[in-house]
């Protein structure tokens, strides 16, 4: 069945096809772990497409993602495919949101997230990281502030440092995060 998946993602995917593949995965054909492994493929397009399907599984079929959350969190820091990374950080942003499912919240609470926070801060200040990834990094760090109270001050300083170096879209996200922090104070 893995060969079916590899063959399916070797070609250009539409959103509809990604949704279909996520539904196939949710039918226990292949696991989130299989997609995580594929997202590290030497062929960056295969890696990107696997990560995209993984994101849809998290969003639409979370019960199929849950058994592999720890594996996802362990592999996240080593993702270097920037196209796949965009989906990884989007998943993590969803996982750390206030309205995440209770099961995801429990996993995140129990997981040692210090190293993930360090990596996400690293991505935020890296010039080579696309703004779409950085935008999700801002959300992740703001969300992790509930678990690591020191993040707020560090993140505010980092945002001040980056504000003039990044795009208008980044500035808009910074405004949103500042508002989120002021509401929480």
Protein backbone atom coordinates (compact mmCIF):
# COMPACT_ATOMS: atom_id res chain seq x y z
CA UNK A 1 0.00 0.00 0.00
CA UNK A 2 2.95 2.31 0.59
CA UNK A 3 3.81 1.99 -3.09
CA UNK A 4 0.30 3.18 -3.96
CA UNK A 5 0.87 6.26 -1.82
CA UNK A 6 4.28 6.98 -3.34
CA UNK A 7 2.89 6.58 -6.85
CA UNK A 8 -0.07 8.81 -6.02
CA UNK A 9 2.08 11.66 -4.73
CA UNK A 10 4.69 11.55 -7.48
CA UNK A 11 2.30 13.56 -9.61
CA UNK A 12 0.94 17.04 -9.05
CA UNK A 13 -1.82 17.03 -6.47
CA UNK A 14 -4.95 19.10 -6.31
CA UNK A 15 -6.66 19.95 -3.05
CA UNK A 16 -9.38 17.43 -3.93
CA UNK A 17 -6.82 14.67 -4.51
CA UNK A 18 -5.12 15.50 -1.19
CA UNK A 19 -8.47 15.24 0.59
CA UNK A 20 -9.09 11.86 -1.12
CA UNK A 21 -5.67 10.56 -0.07
CA UNK A 22 -6.26 11.77 3.50
CA UNK A 23 -9.58 9.89 3.49
CA UNK A 24 -7.84 6.75 2.21
CA UNK A 25 -5.29 7.09 5.00
CA UNK A 26 -8.06 7.49 7.54
CA UNK A 27 -9.43 4.14 6.39
CA UNK A 28 -6.31 2.55 7.92
CA UNK A 29 -4.61 2.03 4.57
CA UNK A 30 -1.46 3.78 5.72
CA UNK A 31 -0.56 5.63 8.89
CA UNK A 32 0.39 9.17 9.80
CA UNK A 33 3.83 7.71 10.61
CA UNK A 34 4.13 6.53 6.99
CA UNK A 35 3.40 10.07 5.81
CA UNK A 36 5.82 11.58 8.32
CA UNK A 37 8.54 9.28 7.01
CA UNK A 38 7.64 10.13 3.41
CA UNK A 39 7.80 13.84 4.18
CA UNK A 40 11.56 13.37 4.59
CA UNK A 41 11.94 11.83 1.11
CA UNK A 42 14.95 12.98 -0.93
CA UNK A 43 12.51 14.12 -3.60
CA UNK A 44 11.30 17.40 -2.10
CA UNK A 45 8.02 17.27 -4.04
CA UNK A 46 7.16 13.89 -2.54
CA UNK A 47 8.07 15.25 0.89
CA UNK A 48 5.91 18.33 0.40
CA UNK A 49 2.92 16.31 -0.81
CA UNK A 50 3.22 13.80 2.03
CA UNK A 51 3.26 16.68 4.54
CA UNK A 52 0.22 18.24 2.87
CA UNK A 53 -1.73 14.98 3.16
CA UNK A 54 -0.53 14.68 6.78
CA UNK A 55 -1.94 18.12 7.54
CA UNK A 56 -5.31 17.12 6.07
CA UNK A 57 -5.30 13.93 8.15
CA UNK A 58 -4.69 16.01 11.27
CA UNK A 59 -7.51 18.40 10.33
CA UNK A 60 -10.10 15.92 9.05
CA UNK A 61 -9.22 12.55 10.59
CA UNK A 62 -7.48 13.39 13.85
CA UNK A 63 -8.15 9.96 15.32
CA UNK A 64 -5.73 8.56 12.71
CA UNK A 65 -3.09 11.15 13.63
CA UNK A 66 -3.27 10.67 17.41
CA UNK A 67 -1.29 7.39 17.62
CA UNK A 68 1.67 9.12 15.95
CA UNK A 69 1.69 12.51 17.70
CA UNK A 70 4.85 11.72 19.69
CA UNK A 71 6.58 10.54 16.51
CA UNK A 72 5.52 13.74 14.73
CA UNK A 73 6.81 15.91 17.58
CA UNK A 74 10.10 14.00 17.66
CA UNK A 75 10.62 14.34 13.90
CA UNK A 76 9.47 17.97 13.58
CA UNK A 77 12.81 19.60 14.53
CA UNK A 78 14.67 17.72 11.81
CA UNK A 79 12.35 18.73 8.93
CA UNK A 80 14.47 20.70 6.43
CA UNK A 81 12.18 20.62 3.39
CA UNK A 82 10.76 24.16 3.59
CA UNK A 83 7.63 23.21 1.65
CA UNK A 84 6.94 20.32 4.02
CA UNK A 85 7.88 22.47 7.00
CA UNK A 86 5.04 24.85 6.22
CA UNK A 87 2.57 21.99 6.80
CA UNK A 88 4.44 20.77 9.88
CA UNK A 89 4.27 24.15 11.61
CA UNK A 90 0.64 24.55 10.60
CA UNK A 91 -0.14 21.21 12.29
CA UNK A 92 1.78 22.25 15.39
CA UNK A 93 -0.04 25.60 15.46
CA UNK A 94 -3.35 23.68 15.43
CA UNK A 95 -2.08 21.29 18.12
CA UNK A 96 -1.11 24.13 20.47
CA UNK A 97 -4.28 26.22 20.04
CA UNK A 98 -6.50 26.85 23.00
CA UNK A 99 -9.33 24.93 21.31
CA UNK A 100 -7.28 21.83 20.43
CA UNK A 101 -8.91 18.54 21.33
CA UNK A 102 -8.49 17.42 24.96
CA UNK A 103 -6.41 14.42 23.84
CA UNK A 104 -4.00 16.64 21.89
CA UNK A 105 -3.80 19.08 24.82
CA UNK A 106 -2.91 16.22 27.18
CA UNK A 107 -0.18 14.98 24.84
CA UNK A 108 1.30 18.46 24.43
CA UNK A 109 1.15 19.08 28.18
CA UNK A 110 2.98 15.82 28.94
CA UNK A 111 5.54 16.21 26.14
CA UNK A 112 8.92 17.87 26.81
CA UNK A 113 8.42 20.80 24.46
CA UNK A 114 11.51 22.88 25.42
CA UNK A 115 13.54 21.65 22.43
CA UNK A 116 10.63 22.26 20.07
CA UNK A 117 10.29 25.81 21.37
CA UNK A 118 14.02 26.40 20.76
CA UNK A 119 13.78 25.07 17.21
CA UNK A 120 10.68 27.16 16.45
CA UNK A 121 12.44 30.30 17.74
CA UNK A 122 15.37 29.35 15.47
CA UNK A 123 13.08 29.11 12.45
CA UNK A 124 11.52 32.46 13.34
CA UNK A 125 14.85 34.30 13.14
CA UNK A 126 16.31 32.36 10.19
CA UNK A 127 16.50 34.50 7.04
CA UNK A 128 16.04 31.42 4.82
CA UNK A 129 12.69 30.46 6.34
CA UNK A 130 9.65 31.67 4.33
CA UNK A 131 7.25 34.12 5.93
CA UNK A 132 4.37 31.61 5.82
CA UNK A 133 6.38 29.30 8.08
CA UNK A 134 7.37 32.19 10.34
CA UNK A 135 3.72 33.20 10.66
CA UNK A 136 2.85 29.77 12.05
CA UNK A 137 5.94 29.93 14.28
CA UNK A 138 4.55 33.11 15.86
CA UNK A 139 1.27 31.31 16.58
CA UNK A 140 3.05 28.27 18.00
CA UNK A 141 5.22 30.32 20.33
CA UNK A 142 2.30 32.47 21.48
CA UNK A 143 0.31 29.29 22.11
CA UNK A 144 3.20 27.69 24.03
CA UNK A 145 3.27 30.71 26.34
CA UNK A 146 0.58 28.95 28.39
CA UNK A 147 3.07 26.15 29.10
CA UNK A 148 6.28 28.21 29.15
CA UNK A 149 5.57 31.63 30.65
CA UNK A 150 9.04 32.98 29.71
CA UNK A 151 8.13 32.87 26.00
CA UNK A 152 6.04 36.05 26.04
CA UNK A 153 8.93 38.41 26.80
CA UNK A 154 11.30 36.61 24.43
CA UNK A 155 8.74 36.58 21.66
CA UNK A 156 7.91 40.27 22.06
CA UNK A 157 11.64 41.12 21.83
CA UNK A 158 12.08 38.86 18.80
CA UNK A 159 9.05 40.36 17.05
CA UNK A 160 10.42 43.88 17.65
CA UNK A 161 13.73 42.81 16.15
CA UNK A 162 12.11 41.22 13.08
CA UNK A 163 9.29 43.68 12.40
CA UNK A 164 11.28 45.86 9.98
CA UNK A 165 12.99 42.91 8.30
CA UNK A 166 9.88 41.00 7.28
CA UNK A 167 6.86 41.54 5.05
CA UNK A 168 3.53 43.26 5.63
CA UNK A 169 1.96 39.82 6.19
CA UNK A 170 4.44 39.23 9.02
CA UNK A 171 3.60 42.62 10.50
CA UNK A 172 -0.11 41.72 10.46
CA UNK A 173 0.60 38.47 12.32
CA UNK A 174 2.72 40.37 14.87
CA UNK A 175 -0.22 42.71 15.50
CA UNK A 176 -2.47 39.69 16.06
CA UNK A 177 0.00 38.10 18.52
CA UNK A 178 0.41 41.38 20.43
CA UNK A 179 -3.38 41.60 20.74
CA UNK A 180 -3.53 37.99 21.92
CA UNK A 181 -0.94 38.77 24.61
CA UNK A 182 -2.74 41.93 25.75
CA UNK A 183 -6.02 40.01 26.10
CA UNK A 184 -4.25 37.33 28.17
CA UNK A 185 -2.60 39.86 30.52
